[in-house]
Amino acid sequence: MPTASRRNHRGDTPPPRTGSSEIEILRGFLDYLRTSIAAKVDGAPEPQVRTAGVPSGTNLLGLLNHLTFVERSTFLGDDVTDWQATFQAAPADSVADVVTRYRKTVERANEVLDGCTDLGAPVPRPRPKSPTPSIRWALTHMIEETGRHAGHADILRELIDGATGR
């Protein structure tokens, strides 16, 4: 198990100071978490980034790959048939590939969200054959999902090379 050192310690970024509207607060916190988890995975070493850190098989790269699919499903309407498979990145995908794909997916999701002003309105691109959630529900769900996996990523990255902080 690596020991943490000052050179591996990244300073914590405090929670965002967003506007006062509900949508600004929700989007601000979601973007904060998105940035945090992408930074946690970016630059992580191979093959440790793919190595399970816990008995369930969870690995750092798989977490970000999974969140890419959740973003695409929630905001872009993609249908995912095997959620468990999303927790593993393809062997040919580099860390940079997965991080770039996640960031591009977030950009596309934000483009959809930019047109949403009513939190009670349905998500503009619902999944086929699924109930359409409200924008409020979708943002809250993504904050919960991203925050949960960002916490997992914090622990896994520290186990890999001692890096801490957001």
C-alpha atoms as a PDB file:
ATOM      1  CA  MET A   1       0.000   0.000   0.000  1.00  0.00           C
ATOM      2  CA  PRO A   2       1.512   3.363  -1.001  1.00  0.00           C
ATOM      3  CA  THR A   3       2.179   6.003   1.551  1.00  0.00           C
ATOM      4  CA  ALA A   4       0.904   9.504   0.942  1.00  0.00           C
ATOM      5  CA  SER A   5       3.512  12.169   0.482  1.00  0.00           C
ATOM      6  CA  ARG A   6       3.314  15.915   0.018  1.00  0.00           C
ATOM      7  CA  ARG A   7       4.163  15.651  -3.675  1.00  0.00           C
ATOM      8  CA  ASN A   8       1.175  13.353  -4.253  1.00  0.00           C
ATOM      9  CA  HIS A   9      -1.225  15.597  -2.365  1.00  0.00           C
ATOM     10  CA  ARG A  10      -3.474  17.726  -4.503  1.00  0.00           C
ATOM     11  CA  GLY A  11      -5.109  20.653  -2.767  1.00  0.00           C
ATOM     12  CA  ASP A  12      -8.813  20.379  -2.135  1.00  0.00           C
ATOM     13  CA  THR A  13     -11.057  22.553  -4.219  1.00  0.00           C
ATOM     14  CA  PRO A  14     -13.901  23.943  -2.121  1.00  0.00           C
ATOM     15  CA  PRO A  15     -17.526  23.497  -3.197  1.00  0.00           C
ATOM     16  CA  PRO A  16     -18.633  25.933  -5.873  1.00  0.00           C
ATOM     17  CA  ARG A  17     -20.117  29.339  -5.248  1.00  0.00           C
ATOM     18  CA  THR A  18     -22.926  29.331  -7.768  1.00  0.00           C
ATOM     19  CA  GLY A  19     -25.814  31.619  -8.535  1.00  0.00           C
ATOM     20  CA  SER A  20     -28.845  31.706  -6.326  1.00  0.00           C
ATOM     21  CA  SER A  21     -31.348  29.869  -8.513  1.00  0.00           C
ATOM     22  CA  GLU A  22     -32.024  26.192  -8.000  1.00  0.00           C
ATOM     23  CA  ILE A  23     -30.841  25.266 -11.484  1.00  0.00           C
ATOM     24  CA  GLU A  24     -27.571  27.222 -11.072  1.00  0.00           C
ATOM     25  CA  ILE A  25     -26.900  25.486  -7.759  1.00  0.00           C
ATOM     26  CA  LEU A  26     -27.663  21.995  -9.075  1.00  0.00           C
ATOM     27  CA  ARG A  27     -25.637  22.452 -12.249  1.00  0.00           C
ATOM     28  CA  GLY A  28     -22.784  24.068 -10.340  1.00  0.00           C
ATOM     29  CA  PHE A  29     -22.487  21.139  -7.950  1.00  0.00           C
ATOM     30  CA  LEU A  30     -22.789  18.588 -10.751  1.00  0.00           C
ATOM     31  CA  ASP A  31     -20.046  20.284 -12.767  1.00  0.00           C
ATOM     32  CA  TYR A  32     -17.875  20.455  -9.634  1.00  0.00           C
ATOM     33  CA  LEU A  33     -18.224  16.697  -9.113  1.00  0.00           C
ATOM     34  CA  ARG A  34     -17.682  15.967 -12.803  1.00  0.00           C
ATOM     35  CA  THR A  35     -14.447  17.949 -12.791  1.00  0.00           C
ATOM     36  CA  SER A  36     -13.327  16.266  -9.563  1.00  0.00           C
ATOM     37  CA  ILE A  37     -13.738  12.697 -10.788  1.00  0.00           C
ATOM     38  CA  ALA A  38     -12.199  13.374 -14.202  1.00  0.00           C
ATOM     39  CA  ALA A  39      -9.162  14.921 -12.487  1.00  0.00           C
ATOM     40  CA  LYS A  40      -8.933  11.930 -10.153  1.00  0.00           C
ATOM     41  CA  VAL A  41      -8.684   9.518 -13.103  1.00  0.00           C
ATOM     42  CA  ASP A  42      -6.615  11.721 -15.428  1.00  0.00           C
ATOM     43  CA  GLY A  43      -2.970  10.679 -15.307  1.00  0.00           C
ATOM     44  CA  ALA A  44      -3.534   7.554 -13.211  1.00  0.00           C
ATOM     45  CA  PRO A  45      -0.945   4.890 -14.057  1.00  0.00           C
ATOM     46  CA  GLU A  46      -1.524   1.721 -16.060  1.00  0.00           C
ATOM     47  CA  PRO A  47      -2.217  -1.075 -15.235  1.00  0.00           C
ATOM     48  CA  GLN A  48      -3.272  -0.013 -11.715  1.00  0.00           C
ATOM     49  CA  VAL A  49      -6.026   2.241 -13.089  1.00  0.00           C
ATOM     50  CA  ARG A  50      -7.751  -0.958 -14.350  1.00  0.00           C
ATOM     51  CA  THR A  51      -6.928  -3.133 -11.376  1.00  0.00           C
ATOM     52  CA  ALA A  52      -9.741  -3.909  -8.959  1.00  0.00           C
ATOM     53  CA  GLY A  53      -9.115  -2.156  -5.670  1.00  0.00           C
ATOM     54  CA  VAL A  54     -11.846  -4.023  -3.801  1.00  0.00           C
ATOM     55  CA  PRO A  55     -13.374  -7.516  -3.978  1.00  0.00           C
ATOM     56  CA  SER A  56     -16.361  -6.260  -6.012  1.00  0.00           C
ATOM     57  CA  GLY A  57     -14.001  -5.588  -8.946  1.00  0.00           C
ATOM     58  CA  THR A  58     -14.380  -1.806  -8.891  1.00  0.00           C
ATOM     59  CA  ASN A  59     -11.500  -0.038 -10.615  1.00  0.00           C
ATOM     60  CA  LEU A  60     -10.727   3.620 -11.205  1.00  0.00           C
ATOM     61  CA  LEU A  61     -10.990   3.647 -14.997  1.00  0.00           C
ATOM     62  CA  GLY A  62     -14.191   1.608 -14.904  1.00  0.00           C
ATOM     63  CA  LEU A  63     -15.853   4.168 -12.636  1.00  0.00           C
ATOM     64  CA  LEU A  64     -15.336   6.960 -15.148  1.00  0.00           C
ATOM     65  CA  ASN A  65     -16.373   4.714 -18.023  1.00  0.00           C
ATOM     66  CA  HIS A  66     -19.581   3.894 -16.115  1.00  0.00           C
ATOM     67  CA  LEU A  67     -20.323   7.573 -15.437  1.00  0.00           C
ATOM     68  CA  THR A  68     -19.965   8.290 -19.151  1.00  0.00           C
ATOM     69  CA  PHE A  69     -22.764   5.813 -19.824  1.00  0.00           C
ATOM     70  CA  VAL A  70     -24.911   7.232 -17.008  1.00  0.00           C
ATOM     71  CA  GLU A  71     -24.545  10.772 -18.424  1.00  0.00           C
ATOM     72  CA  ARG A  72     -25.398   9.546 -21.914  1.00  0.00           C
ATOM     73  CA  SER A  73     -28.402   7.607 -20.671  1.00  0.00           C
ATOM     74  CA  THR A  74     -29.732  10.354 -18.395  1.00  0.00           C
ATOM     75  CA  PHE A  75     -29.246  13.429 -20.579  1.00  0.00           C
ATOM     76  CA  LEU A  76     -28.727  12.160 -24.140  1.00  0.00           C
ATOM     77  CA  GLY A  77     -31.305   9.360 -24.201  1.00  0.00           C
ATOM     78  CA  ASP A  78     -28.911   6.475 -24.903  1.00  0.00           C
ATOM     79  CA  ASP A  79     -30.251   3.037 -24.037  1.00  0.00           C
ATOM     80  CA  VAL A  80     -27.884   0.921 -21.941  1.00  0.00           C
ATOM     81  CA  THR A  81     -28.670  -2.784 -21.884  1.00  0.00           C
ATOM     82  CA  ASP A  82     -25.870  -4.043 -19.608  1.00  0.00           C
ATOM     83  CA  TRP A  83     -25.042  -1.642 -16.795  1.00  0.00           C
ATOM     84  CA  GLN A  84     -22.569  -4.038 -15.177  1.00  0.00           C
ATOM     85  CA  ALA A  85     -20.484  -4.065 -18.360  1.00  0.00           C
ATOM     86  CA  THR A  86     -20.101  -0.274 -18.196  1.00  0.00           C
ATOM     87  CA  PHE A  87     -17.838  -0.655 -15.148  1.00  0.00           C
ATOM     88  CA  GLN A  88     -15.013  -1.946 -17.365  1.00  0.00           C
ATOM     89  CA  ALA A  89     -13.239   0.148 -19.976  1.00  0.00           C
ATOM     90  CA  ALA A  90     -12.269  -1.591 -23.205  1.00  0.00           C
ATOM     91  CA  PRO A  91      -8.721  -2.989 -23.105  1.00  0.00           C
ATOM     92  CA  ALA A  92      -7.709  -0.784 -26.064  1.00  0.00           C
ATOM     93  CA  ASP A  93      -8.909   2.399 -24.323  1.00  0.00           C
ATOM     94  CA  SER A  94      -6.178   4.434 -22.679  1.00  0.00           C
ATOM     95  CA  VAL A  95      -6.754   6.575 -19.603  1.00  0.00           C
ATOM     96  CA  ALA A  96      -6.694   9.628 -21.876  1.00  0.00           C
ATOM     97  CA  ASP A  97      -9.322   8.024 -24.170  1.00  0.00           C
ATOM     98  CA  VAL A  98     -11.745   7.391 -21.306  1.00  0.00           C
ATOM     99  CA  VAL A  99     -11.205  10.826 -19.742  1.00  0.00           C
ATOM    100  CA  THR A 100     -11.663  12.559 -23.108  1.00  0.00           C
ATOM    101  CA  ARG A 101     -14.815  10.570 -23.872  1.00  0.00           C
ATOM    102  CA  TYR A 102     -16.235  11.468 -20.441  1.00  0.00           C
ATOM    103  CA  ARG A 103     -15.456  15.172 -20.864  1.00  0.00           C
ATOM    104  CA  LYS A 104     -16.990  15.231 -24.373  1.00  0.00           C
ATOM    105  CA  THR A 105     -20.104  13.480 -23.056  1.00  0.00           C
ATOM    106  CA  VAL A 106     -20.375  16.072 -20.278  1.00  0.00           C
ATOM    107  CA  GLU A 107     -20.077  18.853 -22.885  1.00  0.00           C
ATOM    108  CA  ARG A 108     -22.897  17.301 -24.921  1.00  0.00           C
ATOM    109  CA  ALA A 109     -25.036  16.841 -21.802  1.00  0.00           C
ATOM    110  CA  ASN A 110     -24.436  20.476 -20.844  1.00  0.00           C
ATOM    111  CA  GLU A 111     -25.491  21.597 -24.322  1.00  0.00           C
ATOM    112  CA  VAL A 112     -28.813  19.819 -23.743  1.00  0.00           C
ATOM    113  CA  LEU A 113     -29.111  21.290 -20.243  1.00  0.00           C
ATOM    114  CA  ASP A 114     -28.342  24.808 -21.485  1.00  0.00           C
ATOM    115  CA  GLY A 115     -31.750  24.825 -23.143  1.00  0.00           C
ATOM    116  CA  CYS A 116     -33.551  23.765 -19.967  1.00  0.00           C
ATOM    117  CA  THR A 117     -34.936  26.504 -17.748  1.00  0.00           C
ATOM    118  CA  ASP A 118     -37.845  24.682 -16.087  1.00  0.00           C
ATOM    119  CA  LEU A 119     -36.650  22.084 -13.596  1.00  0.00           C
ATOM    120  CA  GLY A 120     -40.088  20.477 -13.604  1.00  0.00           C
ATOM    121  CA  ALA A 121     -39.997  19.893 -17.356  1.00  0.00           C
ATOM    122  CA  PRO A 122     -39.136  16.443 -18.692  1.00  0.00           C
ATOM    123  CA  VAL A 123     -35.617  15.631 -19.856  1.00  0.00           C
ATOM    124  CA  PRO A 124     -35.522  16.631 -23.540  1.00  0.00           C
ATOM    125  CA  ARG A 125     -33.986  13.353 -24.755  1.00  0.00           C
ATOM    126  CA  PRO A 126     -35.644  10.538 -22.803  1.00  0.00           C
ATOM    127  CA  ARG A 127     -34.595   6.922 -23.149  1.00  0.00           C
ATOM    128  CA  PRO A 128     -36.864   4.887 -25.368  1.00  0.00           C
ATOM    129  CA  LYS A 129     -39.496   2.868 -23.514  1.00  0.00           C
ATOM    130  CA  SER A 130     -38.607   4.463 -20.150  1.00  0.00           C
ATOM    131  CA  PRO A 131     -40.494   6.926 -17.970  1.00  0.00           C
ATOM    132  CA  THR A 132     -39.221  10.449 -18.616  1.00  0.00           C
ATOM    133  CA  PRO A 133     -37.868  12.088 -15.455  1.00  0.00           C
ATOM    134  CA  SER A 134     -37.882  15.807 -14.782  1.00  0.00           C
ATOM    135  CA  ILE A 135     -34.746  17.890 -15.228  1.00  0.00           C
ATOM    136  CA  ARG A 136     -34.695  18.344 -11.423  1.00  0.00           C
ATOM    137  CA  TRP A 137     -34.732  14.580 -10.853  1.00  0.00           C
ATOM    138  CA  ALA A 138     -32.081  13.975 -13.527  1.00  0.00           C
ATOM    139  CA  LEU A 139     -29.718  16.614 -12.087  1.00  0.00           C
ATOM    140  CA  THR A 140     -30.217  15.344  -8.539  1.00  0.00           C
ATOM    141  CA  HIS A 141     -29.650  11.761  -9.662  1.00  0.00           C
ATOM    142  CA  MET A 142     -26.438  12.712 -11.483  1.00  0.00           C
ATOM    143  CA  ILE A 143     -25.169  14.620  -8.438  1.00  0.00           C
ATOM    144  CA  GLU A 144     -25.801  11.540  -6.281  1.00  0.00           C
ATOM    145  CA  GLU A 145     -24.326   9.102  -8.825  1.00  0.00           C
ATOM    146  CA  THR A 146     -21.261  11.211  -9.592  1.00  0.00           C
ATOM    147  CA  GLY A 147     -20.651  12.072  -5.922  1.00  0.00           C
ATOM    148  CA  ARG A 148     -20.896   8.425  -4.892  1.00  0.00           C
ATOM    149  CA  HIS A 149     -18.407   7.297  -7.530  1.00  0.00           C
ATOM    150  CA  ALA A 150     -16.125  10.296  -6.920  1.00  0.00           C
ATOM    151  CA  GLY A 151     -15.803   9.056  -3.337  1.00  0.00           C
ATOM    152  CA  HIS A 152     -14.920   5.583  -4.604  1.00  0.00           C
ATOM    153  CA  ALA A 153     -12.396   7.157  -6.976  1.00  0.00           C
ATOM    154  CA  ASP A 154     -10.781   9.119  -4.123  1.00  0.00           C
ATOM    155  CA  ILE A 155     -10.070   5.911  -2.255  1.00  0.00           C
ATOM    156  CA  LEU A 156      -8.934   3.934  -5.304  1.00  0.00           C
ATOM    157  CA  ARG A 157      -6.549   6.667  -6.470  1.00  0.00           C
ATOM    158  CA  GLU A 158      -5.022   6.960  -3.013  1.00  0.00           C
ATOM    159  CA  LEU A 159      -4.495   3.181  -2.957  1.00  0.00           C
ATOM    160  CA  ILE A 160      -2.813   3.329  -6.380  1.00  0.00           C
ATOM    161  CA  ASP A 161      -0.259   6.091  -5.868  1.00  0.00           C
ATOM    162  CA  GLY A 162      -1.104   8.036  -2.730  1.00  0.00           C
ATOM    163  CA  ALA A 163      -2.687  10.970  -4.597  1.00  0.00           C
ATOM    164  CA  THR A 164      -5.346  12.714  -2.535  1.00  0.00           C
ATOM    165  CA  GLY A 165      -7.501  15.805  -2.851  1.00  0.00           C
ATOM    166  CA  ARG A 166      -9.959  16.936  -5.478  1.00  0.00           C
END
